[in-house]
Amino acid sequence: MGALAGGIMGAVVFGGMLWFGILLSSRVDSVVPVIVLGVAGAYAAWLVGVIVFSAVRGAGTEEEGS
């Protein structure tokens, strides 16, 4: 379940960054924003995927306080 949630959120973040790069490149007539935001989106997608995976996986385990 955690891997699926992390993968979905990672794909959403990557898609959003890529979409923003395509939108920006149509305004400036250059492909550079797509490349830069695609690379940044891949890194951000990995980070968000790991955070969501950890949160979902760790949600079922509760530690008792001291």
PDB file of N, CA and C in Angstrom:
ATOM      1  N   MET A   1       0.822  -1.195   0.000  1.00  0.00           N
ATOM      2  CA  MET A   1       0.000   0.000   0.000  1.00  0.00           C
ATOM      3  C   MET A   1       0.866   1.259   0.000  1.00  0.00           C
ATOM      4  N   GLY A   2       1.957   1.245   0.777  1.00  0.00           N
ATOM      5  CA  GLY A   2       2.834   2.414   0.848  1.00  0.00           C
ATOM      6  C   GLY A   2       3.539   2.692  -0.463  1.00  0.00           C
ATOM      7  N   ALA A   3       3.967   1.629  -1.140  1.00  0.00           N
ATOM      8  CA  ALA A   3       4.659   1.813  -2.417  1.00  0.00           C
ATOM      9  C   ALA A   3       3.711   2.376  -3.468  1.00  0.00           C
ATOM     10  N   LEU A   4       2.470   1.930  -3.449  1.00  0.00           N
ATOM     11  CA  LEU A   4       1.485   2.436  -4.401  1.00  0.00           C
ATOM     12  C   LEU A   4       1.195   3.910  -4.150  1.00  0.00           C
ATOM     13  N   ALA A   5       0.992   4.278  -2.891  1.00  0.00           N
ATOM     14  CA  ALA A   5       0.723   5.681  -2.556  1.00  0.00           C
ATOM     15  C   ALA A   5       1.915   6.560  -2.905  1.00  0.00           C
ATOM     16  N   GLY A   6       3.123   6.104  -2.583  1.00  0.00           N
ATOM     17  CA  GLY A   6       4.322   6.871  -2.915  1.00  0.00           C
ATOM     18  C   GLY A   6       4.509   7.020  -4.408  1.00  0.00           C
ATOM     19  N   GLY A   7       4.233   5.953  -5.148  1.00  0.00           N
ATOM     20  CA  GLY A   7       4.356   6.008  -6.606  1.00  0.00           C
ATOM     21  C   GLY A   7       3.351   6.945  -7.240  1.00  0.00           C
ATOM     22  N   ILE A   8       2.133   6.920  -6.746  1.00  0.00           N
ATOM     23  CA  ILE A   8       1.090   7.801  -7.285  1.00  0.00           C
ATOM     24  C   ILE A   8       1.429   9.262  -7.001  1.00  0.00           C
ATOM     25  N   MET A   9       1.825   9.565  -5.771  1.00  0.00           N
ATOM     26  CA  MET A   9       2.169  10.946  -5.438  1.00  0.00           C
ATOM     27  C   MET A   9       3.407  11.411  -6.203  1.00  0.00           C
ATOM     28  N   GLY A  10       4.374  10.521  -6.389  1.00  0.00           N
ATOM     29  CA  GLY A  10       5.551  10.868  -7.174  1.00  0.00           C
ATOM     30  C   GLY A  10       5.184  11.179  -8.620  1.00  0.00           C
ATOM     31  N   ALA A  11       4.285  10.378  -9.181  1.00  0.00           N
ATOM     32  CA  ALA A  11       3.853  10.612 -10.557  1.00  0.00           C
ATOM     33  C   ALA A  11       3.091  11.928 -10.687  1.00  0.00           C
ATOM     34  N   VAL A  12       2.288  12.254  -9.687  1.00  0.00           N
ATOM     35  CA  VAL A  12       1.547  13.521  -9.710  1.00  0.00           C
ATOM     36  C   VAL A  12       2.505  14.709  -9.664  1.00  0.00           C
ATOM     37  N   VAL A  13       3.500  14.635  -8.799  1.00  0.00           N
ATOM     38  CA  VAL A  13       4.483  15.724  -8.693  1.00  0.00           C
ATOM     39  C   VAL A  13       5.279  15.850  -9.984  1.00  0.00           C
ATOM     40  N   PHE A  14       5.739  14.732 -10.527  1.00  0.00           N
ATOM     41  CA  PHE A  14       6.507  14.772 -11.773  1.00  0.00           C
ATOM     42  C   PHE A  14       5.662  15.322 -12.917  1.00  0.00           C
ATOM     43  N   GLY A  15       4.438  14.865 -13.016  1.00  0.00           N
ATOM     44  CA  GLY A  15       3.546  15.357 -14.070  1.00  0.00           C
ATOM     45  C   GLY A  15       3.271  16.845 -13.948  1.00  0.00           C
ATOM     46  N   GLY A  16       3.089  17.311 -12.716  1.00  0.00           N
ATOM     47  CA  GLY A  16       2.848  18.735 -12.505  1.00  0.00           C
ATOM     48  C   GLY A  16       4.040  19.588 -12.894  1.00  0.00           C
ATOM     49  N   MET A  17       5.228  19.152 -12.516  1.00  0.00           N
ATOM     50  CA  MET A  17       6.426  19.908 -12.873  1.00  0.00           C
ATOM     51  C   MET A  17       6.664  19.893 -14.383  1.00  0.00           C
ATOM     52  N   LEU A  18       6.434  18.745 -14.998  1.00  0.00           N
ATOM     53  CA  LEU A  18       6.611  18.647 -16.443  1.00  0.00           C
ATOM     54  C   LEU A  18       5.586  19.512 -17.174  1.00  0.00           C
ATOM     55  N   TRP A  19       4.342  19.502 -16.689  1.00  0.00           N
ATOM     56  CA  TRP A  19       3.298  20.333 -17.291  1.00  0.00           C
ATOM     57  C   TRP A  19       3.670  21.808 -17.185  1.00  0.00           C
ATOM     58  N   PHE A  20       4.177  22.203 -16.015  1.00  0.00           N
ATOM     59  CA  PHE A  20       4.584  23.595 -15.835  1.00  0.00           C
ATOM     60  C   PHE A  20       5.738  23.948 -16.774  1.00  0.00           C
ATOM     61  N   GLY A  21       6.669  23.033 -16.983  1.00  0.00           N
ATOM     62  CA  GLY A  21       7.761  23.273 -17.916  1.00  0.00           C
ATOM     63  C   GLY A  21       7.272  23.434 -19.346  1.00  0.00           C
ATOM     64  N   ILE A  22       6.304  22.613 -19.745  1.00  0.00           N
ATOM     65  CA  ILE A  22       5.739  22.723 -21.097  1.00  0.00           C
ATOM     66  C   ILE A  22       4.993  24.042 -21.250  1.00  0.00           C
ATOM     67  N   LEU A  23       4.236  24.416 -20.230  1.00  0.00           N
ATOM     68  CA  LEU A  23       3.515  25.684 -20.270  1.00  0.00           C
ATOM     69  C   LEU A  23       4.480  26.858 -20.365  1.00  0.00           C
ATOM     70  N   LEU A  24       5.546  26.823 -19.589  1.00  0.00           N
ATOM     71  CA  LEU A  24       6.529  27.894 -19.608  1.00  0.00           C
ATOM     72  C   LEU A  24       7.295  27.934 -20.932  1.00  0.00           C
ATOM     73  N   SER A  25       7.588  26.765 -21.500  1.00  0.00           N
ATOM     74  CA  SER A  25       8.341  26.749 -22.759  1.00  0.00           C
ATOM     75  C   SER A  25       7.513  27.311 -23.911  1.00  0.00           C
ATOM     76  N   SER A  26       6.193  27.179 -23.830  1.00  0.00           N
ATOM     77  CA  SER A  26       5.370  27.769 -24.883  1.00  0.00           C
ATOM     78  C   SER A  26       5.363  29.294 -24.797  1.00  0.00           C
ATOM     79  N   ARG A  27       5.656  29.829 -23.630  1.00  0.00           N
ATOM     80  CA  ARG A  27       5.704  31.281 -23.452  1.00  0.00           C
ATOM     81  C   ARG A  27       7.046  31.882 -23.873  1.00  0.00           C
ATOM     82  N   VAL A  28       8.131  31.153 -23.670  1.00  0.00           N
ATOM     83  CA  VAL A  28       9.459  31.709 -23.943  1.00  0.00           C
ATOM     84  C   VAL A  28      10.091  31.154 -25.220  1.00  0.00           C
ATOM     85  N   ASP A  29       9.421  30.274 -25.921  1.00  0.00           N
ATOM     86  CA  ASP A  29       9.914  29.682 -27.165  1.00  0.00           C
ATOM     87  C   ASP A  29      11.280  29.026 -27.009  1.00  0.00           C
ATOM     88  N   SER A  30      11.422  28.231 -25.955  1.00  0.00           N
ATOM     89  CA  SER A  30      12.653  27.511 -25.704  1.00  0.00           C
ATOM     90  C   SER A  30      12.303  26.190 -25.030  1.00  0.00           C
ATOM     91  N   VAL A  31      13.130  25.176 -25.234  1.00  0.00           N
ATOM     92  CA  VAL A  31      12.899  23.874 -24.634  1.00  0.00           C
ATOM     93  C   VAL A  31      13.611  23.733 -23.283  1.00  0.00           C
ATOM     94  N   VAL A  32      14.407  24.719 -22.921  1.00  0.00           N
ATOM     95  CA  VAL A  32      15.184  24.663 -21.677  1.00  0.00           C
ATOM     96  C   VAL A  32      14.292  24.507 -20.440  1.00  0.00           C
ATOM     97  N   PRO A  33      13.161  25.227 -20.311  1.00  0.00           N
ATOM     98  CA  PRO A  33      12.328  25.032 -19.119  1.00  0.00           C
ATOM     99  C   PRO A  33      11.796  23.599 -18.967  1.00  0.00           C
ATOM    100  N   VAL A  34      11.520  22.940 -20.067  1.00  0.00           N
ATOM    101  CA  VAL A  34      11.036  21.557 -19.990  1.00  0.00           C
ATOM    102  C   VAL A  34      12.137  20.648 -19.448  1.00  0.00           C
ATOM    103  N   ILE A  35      13.348  20.848 -19.909  1.00  0.00           N
ATOM    104  CA  ILE A  35      14.463  20.015 -19.454  1.00  0.00           C
ATOM    105  C   ILE A  35      14.762  20.276 -17.980  1.00  0.00           C
ATOM    106  N   VAL A  36      14.876  21.553 -17.612  1.00  0.00           N
ATOM    107  CA  VAL A  36      15.218  21.905 -16.234  1.00  0.00           C
ATOM    108  C   VAL A  36      14.124  21.454 -15.273  1.00  0.00           C
ATOM    109  N   LEU A  37      12.874  21.758 -15.587  1.00  0.00           N
ATOM    110  CA  LEU A  37      11.786  21.378 -14.689  1.00  0.00           C
ATOM    111  C   LEU A  37      11.517  19.877 -14.733  1.00  0.00           C
ATOM    112  N   GLY A  38      11.858  19.218 -15.826  1.00  0.00           N
ATOM    113  CA  GLY A  38      11.741  17.763 -15.870  1.00  0.00           C
ATOM    114  C   GLY A  38      12.723  17.091 -14.926  1.00  0.00           C
ATOM    115  N   VAL A  39      13.960  17.586 -14.921  1.00  0.00           N
ATOM    116  CA  VAL A  39      14.970  17.038 -14.006  1.00  0.00           C
ATOM    117  C   VAL A  39      14.613  17.372 -12.562  1.00  0.00           C
ATOM    118  N   ALA A  40      14.225  18.611 -12.319  1.00  0.00           N
ATOM    119  CA  ALA A  40      13.826  19.009 -10.963  1.00  0.00           C
ATOM    120  C   ALA A  40      12.579  18.247 -10.524  1.00  0.00           C
ATOM    121  N   GLY A  41      11.665  18.009 -11.452  1.00  0.00           N
ATOM    122  CA  GLY A  41      10.452  17.257 -11.133  1.00  0.00           C
ATOM    123  C   GLY A  41      10.746  15.808 -10.807  1.00  0.00           C
ATOM    124  N   ALA A  42      11.718  15.221 -11.484  1.00  0.00           N
ATOM    125  CA  ALA A  42      12.084  13.837 -11.182  1.00  0.00           C
ATOM    126  C   ALA A  42      12.649  13.729  -9.773  1.00  0.00           C
ATOM    127  N   TYR A  43      13.488  14.685  -9.400  1.00  0.00           N
ATOM    128  CA  TYR A  43      14.053  14.685  -8.051  1.00  0.00           C
ATOM    129  C   TYR A  43      12.964  14.942  -7.003  1.00  0.00           C
ATOM    130  N   ALA A  44      12.098  15.910  -7.263  1.00  0.00           N
ATOM    131  CA  ALA A  44      11.008  16.214  -6.337  1.00  0.00           C
ATOM    132  C   ALA A  44      10.052  15.034  -6.224  1.00  0.00           C
ATOM    133  N   ALA A  45       9.791  14.346  -7.336  1.00  0.00           N
ATOM    134  CA  ALA A  45       8.911  13.182  -7.308  1.00  0.00           C
ATOM    135  C   ALA A  45       9.511  12.075  -6.458  1.00  0.00           C
ATOM    136  N   TRP A  46      10.811  11.879  -6.563  1.00  0.00           N
ATOM    137  CA  TRP A  46      11.468  10.866  -5.740  1.00  0.00           C
ATOM    138  C   TRP A  46      11.356  11.227  -4.255  1.00  0.00           C
ATOM    139  N   LEU A  47      11.622  12.496  -3.931  1.00  0.00           N
ATOM    140  CA  LEU A  47      11.529  12.929  -2.536  1.00  0.00           C
ATOM    141  C   LEU A  47      10.124  12.758  -1.979  1.00  0.00           C
ATOM    142  N   VAL A  48       9.123  13.206  -2.714  1.00  0.00           N
ATOM    143  CA  VAL A  48       7.738  13.091  -2.253  1.00  0.00           C
ATOM    144  C   VAL A  48       7.339  11.629  -2.144  1.00  0.00           C
ATOM    145  N   GLY A  49       7.751  10.820  -3.103  1.00  0.00           N
ATOM    146  CA  GLY A  49       7.437   9.392  -3.049  1.00  0.00           C
ATOM    147  C   GLY A  49       8.016   8.720  -1.822  1.00  0.00           C
ATOM    148  N   VAL A  50       9.252   9.056  -1.478  1.00  0.00           N
ATOM    149  CA  VAL A  50       9.886   8.479  -0.290  1.00  0.00           C
ATOM    150  C   VAL A  50       9.185   8.951   0.980  1.00  0.00           C
ATOM    151  N   ILE A  51       8.831  10.229   1.040  1.00  0.00           N
ATOM    152  CA  ILE A  51       8.155  10.760   2.225  1.00  0.00           C
ATOM    153  C   ILE A  51       6.783  10.122   2.402  1.00  0.00           C
ATOM    154  N   VAL A  52       6.021  10.013   1.322  1.00  0.00           N
ATOM    155  CA  VAL A  52       4.693   9.409   1.417  1.00  0.00           C
ATOM    156  C   VAL A  52       4.809   7.923   1.749  1.00  0.00           C
ATOM    157  N   PHE A  53       5.752   7.236   1.134  1.00  0.00           N
ATOM    158  CA  PHE A  53       5.952   5.821   1.438  1.00  0.00           C
ATOM    159  C   PHE A  53       6.277   5.622   2.915  1.00  0.00           C
ATOM    160  N   SER A  54       7.170   6.449   3.439  1.00  0.00           N
ATOM    161  CA  SER A  54       7.550   6.339   4.850  1.00  0.00           C
ATOM    162  C   SER A  54       6.379   6.662   5.765  1.00  0.00           C
ATOM    163  N   ALA A  55       5.598   7.667   5.403  1.00  0.00           N
ATOM    164  CA  ALA A  55       4.457   8.047   6.238  1.00  0.00           C
ATOM    165  C   ALA A  55       3.397   6.955   6.258  1.00  0.00           C
ATOM    166  N   VAL A  56       3.110   6.383   5.110  1.00  0.00           N
ATOM    167  CA  VAL A  56       2.094   5.330   5.048  1.00  0.00           C
ATOM    168  C   VAL A  56       2.599   4.070   5.734  1.00  0.00           C
ATOM    169  N   ARG A  57       3.845   3.744   5.527  1.00  0.00           N
ATOM    170  CA  ARG A  57       4.403   2.527   6.129  1.00  0.00           C
ATOM    171  C   ARG A  57       4.527   2.669   7.650  1.00  0.00           C
ATOM    172  N   GLY A  58       4.885   3.854   8.102  1.00  0.00           N
ATOM    173  CA  GLY A  58       5.062   4.069   9.526  1.00  0.00           C
ATOM    174  C   GLY A  58       3.780   4.394  10.266  1.00  0.00           C
ATOM    175  N   ALA A  59       2.664   4.581   9.540  1.00  0.00           N
ATOM    176  CA  ALA A  59       1.402   4.955  10.183  1.00  0.00           C
ATOM    177  C   ALA A  59       0.851   3.810  11.034  1.00  0.00           C
ATOM    178  N   GLY A  60       1.153   2.584  10.695  1.00  0.00           N
ATOM    179  CA  GLY A  60       0.613   1.454  11.433  1.00  0.00           C
ATOM    180  C   GLY A  60       1.394   1.100  12.675  1.00  0.00           C
ATOM    181  N   THR A  61       2.598   1.616  12.800  1.00  0.00           N
ATOM    182  CA  THR A  61       3.432   1.285  13.964  1.00  0.00           C
ATOM    183  C   THR A  61       3.461   2.470  14.904  1.00  0.00           C
ATOM    184  N   GLU A  62       3.017   2.230  16.106  1.00  0.00           N
ATOM    185  CA  GLU A  62       3.033   3.306  17.102  1.00  0.00           C
ATOM    186  C   GLU A  62       3.943   2.893  18.236  1.00  0.00           C
ATOM    187  N   GLU A  63       4.851   3.788  18.576  1.00  0.00           N
ATOM    188  CA  GLU A  63       5.757   3.514  19.687  1.00  0.00           C
ATOM    189  C   GLU A  63       5.160   4.108  20.965  1.00  0.00           C
ATOM    190  N   GLU A  64       5.395   3.406  22.050  1.00  0.00           N
ATOM    191  CA  GLU A  64       4.927   3.915  23.335  1.00  0.00           C
ATOM    192  C   GLU A  64       5.945   4.886  23.894  1.00  0.00           C
ATOM    193  N   GLY A  65       5.454   5.950  24.505  1.00  0.00           N
ATOM    194  CA  GLY A  65       6.341   6.941  25.096  1.00  0.00           C
ATOM    195  C   GLY A  65       7.015   6.413  26.356  1.00  0.00           C
ATOM    196  N   SER A  66       8.068   7.073  26.782  1.00  0.00           N
ATOM    197  CA  SER A  66       8.807   6.594  27.956  1.00  0.00           C
ATOM    198  C   SER A  66       8.245   7.117  29.244  1.00  0.00           C
TER     199      SER A  66
END
